[in-house]
Amino acid sequence: MHPKLKPIVYGLGVFVVYAILVYALRYFSHSVPFDAKYLGIYTNKDLYTGLGIAVLMTYMHIRKTGGK
């Protein structure tokens, strides 16, 4: 795989895991927010938080592996 694609794939993986966890928590607790816009589960705040977590985790992963 091309070295520049690895961080993008890692970040997408982190975001997908975050989205699955949010979905599971909302499904099992039966607490869907009133302003959920995306798929009836996610709000803008959820998506921005997931994006921030994905960027931060990807940055830390790159620093840990030395950019390899």
Protein backbone atom coordinates (compact mmCIF):
# COMPACT_ATOMS: atom_id res chain seq x y z
CA MET A 1 0.00 0.00 0.00
CA HIS A 2 1.21 3.50 -0.77
CA PRO A 3 2.72 5.14 2.35
CA LYS A 4 0.53 8.24 2.00
CA LEU A 5 -2.65 6.14 2.04
CA LYS A 6 -1.86 4.36 5.31
CA PRO A 7 -2.72 7.33 7.59
CA ILE A 8 -5.94 7.95 5.67
CA VAL A 9 -7.02 4.32 6.05
CA TYR A 10 -6.05 4.38 9.73
CA GLY A 11 -8.07 7.58 10.30
CA LEU A 12 -11.11 6.14 8.51
CA GLY A 13 -10.84 3.03 10.66
CA VAL A 14 -10.79 5.11 13.84
CA PHE A 15 -13.79 7.11 12.65
CA VAL A 16 -15.76 3.94 11.79
CA VAL A 17 -15.03 2.42 15.21
CA TYR A 18 -16.18 5.67 16.86
CA ALA A 19 -19.38 5.69 14.78
CA ILE A 20 -20.13 2.06 15.69
CA LEU A 21 -19.60 2.76 19.40
CA VAL A 22 -21.90 5.80 19.31
CA TYR A 23 -24.54 3.79 17.45
CA ALA A 24 -24.32 0.90 19.92
CA LEU A 25 -24.55 3.20 22.95
CA ARG A 26 -27.56 5.02 21.51
CA TYR A 27 -29.27 1.79 20.45
CA PHE A 28 -28.88 -0.01 23.77
CA SER A 29 -29.67 3.01 25.94
CA HIS A 30 -32.66 4.05 23.77
CA SER A 31 -31.56 7.67 23.88
CA VAL A 32 -31.58 9.15 20.41
CA PRO A 33 -31.12 12.95 20.41
CA PHE A 34 -33.97 15.08 19.13
CA ASP A 35 -31.72 16.89 16.62
CA ALA A 36 -30.23 13.72 15.06
CA LYS A 37 -29.77 14.48 11.37
CA TYR A 38 -27.71 11.63 9.95
CA LEU A 39 -29.30 8.18 9.75
CA GLY A 40 -31.56 9.24 12.61
CA ILE A 41 -28.77 8.58 15.11
CA TYR A 42 -25.89 11.03 14.64
CA THR A 43 -25.79 14.78 15.19
CA ASN A 44 -23.33 17.33 13.80
CA LYS A 45 -21.56 17.31 17.17
CA ASP A 46 -21.06 13.54 16.94
CA LEU A 47 -19.53 13.79 13.50
CA TYR A 48 -17.20 16.66 14.43
CA THR A 49 -16.14 14.84 17.59
CA GLY A 50 -15.44 11.68 15.60
CA LEU A 51 -13.43 13.65 13.05
CA GLY A 52 -11.39 15.28 15.81
CA ILE A 53 -10.72 11.94 17.49
CA ALA A 54 -9.72 10.37 14.17
CA VAL A 55 -7.27 13.18 13.39
CA LEU A 56 -5.77 13.11 16.88
CA MET A 57 -5.43 9.31 16.97
CA THR A 58 -3.90 9.26 13.49
CA TYR A 59 -1.40 11.96 14.47
CA MET A 60 -0.41 10.04 17.60
CA HIS A 61 -0.10 6.81 15.60
CA ILE A 62 2.19 8.47 13.06
CA ARG A 63 4.34 9.92 15.84
CA LYS A 64 4.52 6.53 17.58
CA THR A 65 5.53 4.59 14.47
CA GLY A 66 7.97 7.23 13.28
CA GLY A 67 6.03 7.98 10.10
CA LYS A 68 6.48 4.48 8.67
